[in-house]
C-alpha cells in the first residue's frame, strides 16, 4: 500500500500499536552525559531513552556495543 508517511504515521498512532516517548529534560541530560562512543547525538538520545524507561533496545548499530550502560538492555547484536 502506497500512502504518504504522515498518513501512515497517523494510522499507527491511532491504532495504539506503538508508544511514542517524548524526550524529557532528564533524557536529554542523560544523553549529554553518555560517553561519545557514538558521534550522532540522536543515537545517544535513543540510548538514554531506553535507559530512562528501563526498556530493551533493538539495534544493529555496532557502536552501541561500546556502551557499557546498555549491558543487559541491548538486543539485536551478538
N, C-alpha and C. Protein backbone atom coordinates (compact mmCIF):
# COMPACT_ATOMS: atom_id res chain seq x y z
N UNK A 1 0.85 -1.17 0.00
CA UNK A 1 0.00 0.00 0.00
C UNK A 1 0.90 1.24 0.00
N UNK A 2 0.63 2.15 -0.89
CA UNK A 2 1.43 3.36 -1.02
C UNK A 2 0.63 4.55 -0.48
N UNK A 3 1.13 5.15 0.60
CA UNK A 3 0.45 6.31 1.18
C UNK A 3 1.50 7.26 1.73
N UNK A 4 1.15 8.52 1.89
CA UNK A 4 2.10 9.46 2.49
C UNK A 4 2.49 9.01 3.90
N UNK A 5 3.74 9.28 4.25
CA UNK A 5 4.24 8.88 5.56
C UNK A 5 3.38 9.46 6.67
N UNK A 6 2.99 10.71 6.56
CA UNK A 6 2.20 11.33 7.62
C UNK A 6 0.87 10.60 7.84
N UNK A 7 0.27 10.10 6.76
CA UNK A 7 -0.98 9.34 6.89
C UNK A 7 -0.71 8.00 7.56
N UNK A 8 0.36 7.32 7.15
CA UNK A 8 0.73 6.04 7.77
C UNK A 8 1.00 6.24 9.27
N UNK A 9 1.75 7.28 9.60
CA UNK A 9 2.08 7.56 10.99
C UNK A 9 0.82 7.81 11.81
N UNK A 10 -0.13 8.54 11.26
CA UNK A 10 -1.39 8.79 11.96
C UNK A 10 -2.14 7.48 12.20
N UNK A 11 -2.12 6.59 11.24
CA UNK A 11 -2.79 5.29 11.41
C UNK A 11 -2.12 4.47 12.51
N UNK A 12 -0.81 4.47 12.53
CA UNK A 12 -0.08 3.74 13.57
C UNK A 12 -0.39 4.35 14.94
N UNK A 13 -0.38 5.66 15.01
CA UNK A 13 -0.67 6.35 16.27
C UNK A 13 -2.08 6.04 16.75
N UNK A 14 -3.05 6.12 15.85
CA UNK A 14 -4.45 5.86 16.20
C UNK A 14 -4.69 4.42 16.61
N UNK A 15 -3.94 3.49 16.02
CA UNK A 15 -4.11 2.07 16.32
C UNK A 15 -3.51 1.70 17.68
N UNK A 16 -2.72 2.59 18.27
CA UNK A 16 -2.11 2.38 19.58
C UNK A 16 -1.27 1.10 19.62
N UNK A 17 -0.51 0.86 18.53
CA UNK A 17 0.35 -0.32 18.49
C UNK A 17 1.80 0.01 18.85
N UNK A 18 2.12 1.28 18.86
CA UNK A 18 3.43 1.76 19.30
C UNK A 18 3.22 2.84 20.35
N UNK A 19 4.19 2.95 21.23
CA UNK A 19 4.14 4.01 22.22
C UNK A 19 5.22 5.03 21.86
N UNK A 20 4.82 6.26 21.71
CA UNK A 20 5.75 7.33 21.38
C UNK A 20 6.19 8.00 22.67
N UNK A 21 7.49 8.02 22.88
CA UNK A 21 8.05 8.56 24.13
C UNK A 21 8.67 9.92 23.87
N UNK A 22 8.26 10.92 24.64
CA UNK A 22 8.86 12.24 24.46
C UNK A 22 10.28 12.29 25.01
N UNK A 23 11.06 13.22 24.51
CA UNK A 23 12.40 13.46 25.05
C UNK A 23 12.24 14.49 26.16
N UNK A 24 12.40 14.02 27.37
CA UNK A 24 12.25 14.88 28.54
C UNK A 24 13.60 15.54 28.87
N UNK A 25 13.59 16.54 29.74
CA UNK A 25 14.86 17.12 30.17
C UNK A 25 15.79 16.09 30.82
N UNK A 26 15.23 15.09 31.49
CA UNK A 26 16.04 14.07 32.15
C UNK A 26 16.70 13.18 31.12
N UNK A 27 15.97 12.84 30.06
CA UNK A 27 16.56 12.03 28.99
C UNK A 27 17.64 12.83 28.28
N UNK A 28 17.38 14.11 28.01
CA UNK A 28 18.38 14.96 27.37
C UNK A 28 19.64 15.06 28.21
N UNK A 29 19.47 15.22 29.49
CA UNK A 29 20.61 15.31 30.40
C UNK A 29 21.39 14.01 30.42
N UNK A 30 20.67 12.89 30.43
CA UNK A 30 21.33 11.59 30.42
C UNK A 30 22.10 11.39 29.11
N UNK A 31 21.51 11.81 28.00
CA UNK A 31 22.17 11.67 26.69
C UNK A 31 23.47 12.46 26.63
N UNK A 32 23.44 13.67 27.19
CA UNK A 32 24.64 14.52 27.19
C UNK A 32 25.73 13.88 28.04
N UNK A 33 25.35 13.17 29.10
CA UNK A 33 26.32 12.56 29.99
C UNK A 33 26.89 11.24 29.50
N UNK A 34 26.33 10.69 28.42
CA UNK A 34 26.86 9.42 27.90
C UNK A 34 28.21 9.63 27.23
N UNK A 35 29.07 8.62 27.27
CA UNK A 35 30.34 8.72 26.54
C UNK A 35 30.06 8.92 25.05
N UNK A 36 30.95 9.60 24.38
CA UNK A 36 30.75 9.89 22.96
C UNK A 36 31.32 8.78 22.07
N UNK A 37 30.97 7.54 22.40
CA UNK A 37 31.36 6.43 21.53
C UNK A 37 30.68 6.60 20.17
N UNK A 38 29.51 7.17 20.23
CA UNK A 38 28.73 7.38 19.02
C UNK A 38 28.66 8.89 18.81
N UNK A 39 29.11 9.35 17.68
CA UNK A 39 29.16 10.80 17.42
C UNK A 39 27.80 11.39 17.10
N UNK A 40 26.81 10.56 16.81
CA UNK A 40 25.48 11.04 16.46
C UNK A 40 24.68 11.31 17.73
N UNK A 41 24.35 12.56 18.02
CA UNK A 41 23.61 12.86 19.24
C UNK A 41 22.22 12.22 19.26
N UNK A 42 21.62 11.99 18.09
CA UNK A 42 20.31 11.33 18.04
C UNK A 42 20.41 9.91 18.59
N UNK A 43 21.49 9.23 18.29
CA UNK A 43 21.65 7.87 18.81
C UNK A 43 21.85 7.88 20.31
N UNK A 44 22.55 8.88 20.84
CA UNK A 44 22.69 8.97 22.30
C UNK A 44 21.34 9.26 22.95
N UNK A 45 20.47 10.01 22.27
CA UNK A 45 19.12 10.24 22.80
C UNK A 45 18.33 8.94 22.80
N UNK A 46 18.47 8.14 21.76
CA UNK A 46 17.79 6.84 21.71
C UNK A 46 18.28 5.96 22.86
N UNK A 47 19.58 5.92 23.08
CA UNK A 47 20.15 5.12 24.17
C UNK A 47 19.63 5.62 25.52
N UNK A 48 19.68 6.92 25.73
CA UNK A 48 19.22 7.49 27.00
C UNK A 48 17.74 7.23 27.23
N UNK A 49 16.95 7.27 26.18
CA UNK A 49 15.51 7.00 26.31
C UNK A 49 15.29 5.56 26.78
N UNK A 50 16.00 4.62 26.18
CA UNK A 50 15.87 3.22 26.61
C UNK A 50 16.31 3.05 28.07
N UNK A 51 17.40 3.68 28.43
CA UNK A 51 17.89 3.56 29.80
C UNK A 51 16.91 4.19 30.79
N UNK A 52 16.42 5.36 30.48
CA UNK A 52 15.50 6.08 31.37
C UNK A 52 14.22 5.28 31.60
N UNK A 53 13.71 4.66 30.53
CA UNK A 53 12.46 3.92 30.64
C UNK A 53 12.67 2.45 30.97
N UNK A 54 13.94 2.07 31.21
CA UNK A 54 14.28 0.68 31.54
C UNK A 54 13.69 -0.27 30.49
N UNK A 55 13.89 0.11 29.24
CA UNK A 55 13.35 -0.64 28.11
C UNK A 55 14.47 -1.36 27.37
N UNK A 56 14.14 -2.44 26.72
CA UNK A 56 15.09 -3.12 25.84
C UNK A 56 15.29 -2.26 24.60
N UNK A 57 16.46 -2.32 24.03
CA UNK A 57 16.79 -1.53 22.85
C UNK A 57 17.25 -2.48 21.75
N UNK A 58 16.56 -2.43 20.63
CA UNK A 58 16.91 -3.25 19.48
C UNK A 58 17.65 -2.38 18.48
N UNK A 59 18.88 -2.78 18.17
CA UNK A 59 19.69 -2.02 17.22
C UNK A 59 20.71 -2.94 16.56
N UNK A 60 21.01 -2.64 15.32
CA UNK A 60 22.07 -3.34 14.61
C UNK A 60 23.31 -2.44 14.49
N UNK A 61 23.31 -1.32 15.17
CA UNK A 61 24.42 -0.38 15.14
C UNK A 61 25.54 -0.91 16.05
N UNK A 62 26.64 -1.30 15.45
CA UNK A 62 27.75 -1.89 16.22
C UNK A 62 28.33 -0.94 17.24
N UNK A 63 28.20 0.36 17.05
CA UNK A 63 28.72 1.34 18.01
C UNK A 63 28.02 1.22 19.36
N UNK A 64 26.79 0.76 19.35
CA UNK A 64 26.04 0.64 20.61
C UNK A 64 26.70 -0.36 21.55
N UNK A 65 27.42 -1.32 21.01
CA UNK A 65 28.11 -2.31 21.84
C UNK A 65 29.17 -1.68 22.74
N UNK A 66 29.64 -0.51 22.38
CA UNK A 66 30.68 0.16 23.16
C UNK A 66 30.14 0.77 24.45
N UNK A 67 28.83 0.89 24.57
CA UNK A 67 28.23 1.49 25.76
C UNK A 67 27.99 0.43 26.83
N UNK A 68 28.79 0.46 27.87
CA UNK A 68 28.61 -0.48 28.99
C UNK A 68 27.24 -0.30 29.62
N UNK A 69 26.71 0.90 29.54
CA UNK A 69 25.40 1.21 30.11
C UNK A 69 24.29 0.34 29.52
N UNK A 70 24.51 -0.17 28.30
CA UNK A 70 23.49 -0.96 27.61
C UNK A 70 23.58 -2.46 27.90
N UNK A 71 24.52 -2.85 28.74
CA UNK A 71 24.66 -4.27 29.08
C UNK A 71 23.35 -4.78 29.68
N UNK A 72 22.81 -5.84 29.09
CA UNK A 72 21.55 -6.40 29.54
C UNK A 72 20.33 -5.69 28.97
N UNK A 73 20.56 -4.62 28.23
CA UNK A 73 19.47 -3.83 27.65
C UNK A 73 19.44 -3.99 26.12
N UNK A 74 20.60 -4.05 25.52
CA UNK A 74 20.73 -4.10 24.07
C UNK A 74 20.45 -5.48 23.52
N UNK A 75 19.57 -5.57 22.55
CA UNK A 75 19.31 -6.82 21.86
C UNK A 75 19.48 -6.57 20.35
N UNK A 76 19.80 -7.61 19.64
CA UNK A 76 19.92 -7.47 18.18
C UNK A 76 21.34 -7.68 17.67
N UNK A 77 22.31 -7.60 18.55
CA UNK A 77 23.70 -7.83 18.17
C UNK A 77 24.29 -8.90 19.06
N UNK A 78 25.23 -9.64 18.52
CA UNK A 78 25.87 -10.66 19.36
C UNK A 78 27.29 -10.29 19.67
